[in-house]
């Protein structure tokens, strides 16, 4: 991801970020900013991971070989 792409992606959240100080109390402010940054971070991570994916197989390993063995 280039600097310009990152700036454009995060810039979409600026208006919402700028309106955060209008929250009635600190608890609402904290919830709002946490939600905002969580969505922004998720979008950045998805974009970066999709760009770096080198395979067409999107399946993920769910269990290690040791976890499939019965403990008994």
Protein backbone atom coordinates (compact mmCIF):
# COMPACT_ATOMS: atom_id res chain seq x y z
CA UNK A 1 0.00 0.00 0.00
CA UNK A 2 1.40 3.35 -0.96
CA UNK A 3 1.29 6.49 1.15
CA UNK A 4 -1.33 7.99 -1.16
CA UNK A 5 -3.59 4.91 -0.88
CA UNK A 6 -3.24 4.91 2.91
CA UNK A 7 -4.00 8.63 3.11
CA UNK A 8 -7.05 8.23 0.87
CA UNK A 9 -8.31 5.27 2.90
CA UNK A 10 -7.92 6.97 6.27
CA UNK A 11 -9.16 10.29 4.88
CA UNK A 12 -12.60 8.78 4.41
CA UNK A 13 -12.87 8.57 8.21
CA UNK A 14 -11.87 12.19 8.88
CA UNK A 15 -15.38 13.67 9.10
CA UNK A 16 -16.42 11.03 11.61
CA UNK A 17 -13.21 11.59 13.57
CA UNK A 18 -13.71 15.36 13.57
CA UNK A 19 -17.20 14.97 15.04
CA UNK A 20 -16.02 12.83 17.97
CA UNK A 21 -15.46 15.72 20.43
CA UNK A 22 -19.22 16.32 20.27
CA UNK A 23 -19.83 13.14 22.30
CA UNK A 24 -21.80 13.89 25.48
CA UNK A 25 -19.37 12.19 27.84
CA UNK A 26 -16.01 10.47 27.87
CA UNK A 27 -17.51 6.96 27.81
CA UNK A 28 -19.39 7.66 24.56
CA UNK A 29 -16.28 9.33 23.14
CA UNK A 30 -14.18 6.27 24.00
CA UNK A 31 -16.71 3.86 22.45
CA UNK A 32 -16.94 5.96 19.29
CA UNK A 33 -13.20 6.33 18.80
CA UNK A 34 -12.63 2.63 19.46
CA UNK A 35 -15.24 1.69 16.87
CA UNK A 36 -13.85 4.17 14.35
CA UNK A 37 -10.26 2.99 14.67
CA UNK A 38 -11.30 -0.66 14.65
CA UNK A 39 -13.12 -0.23 11.31
CA UNK A 40 -10.29 1.85 9.85
CA UNK A 41 -7.64 -0.63 10.98
CA UNK A 42 -9.61 -3.57 9.61
CA UNK A 43 -9.97 -1.91 6.23
CA UNK A 44 -6.23 -1.08 6.11
CA UNK A 45 -5.25 -4.62 7.08
CA UNK A 46 -7.58 -6.23 4.54
CA UNK A 47 -6.24 -4.03 1.76
CA UNK A 48 -2.63 -4.67 2.69
CA UNK A 49 -3.13 -8.44 3.08
CA UNK A 50 -5.01 -8.71 -0.21
CA UNK A 51 -2.19 -6.93 -2.00
CA UNK A 52 0.48 -9.16 -0.49
CA UNK A 53 -1.36 -12.43 -1.16
CA UNK A 54 0.74 -14.47 -3.55
CA UNK A 55 -1.57 -17.46 -3.94
CA UNK A 56 -5.04 -17.89 -5.34
CA UNK A 57 -5.91 -20.42 -2.64
CA UNK A 58 -7.54 -18.33 0.10
CA UNK A 59 -8.12 -21.28 2.45
CA UNK A 60 -6.51 -20.95 5.83
CA UNK A 61 -5.04 -23.60 8.01
CA UNK A 62 -7.45 -24.10 10.88
CA UNK A 63 -5.72 -26.68 13.03
CA UNK A 64 -2.19 -27.79 13.57
CA UNK A 65 -1.49 -31.49 12.91
CA UNK A 66 -1.03 -32.07 16.65
CA UNK A 67 -4.46 -30.70 17.53
CA UNK A 68 -6.19 -33.30 15.35
CA UNK A 69 -4.84 -36.18 17.42
CA UNK A 70 -7.10 -37.56 20.06
CA UNK A 71 -5.88 -36.78 23.59
CA UNK A 72 -6.87 -40.34 24.67
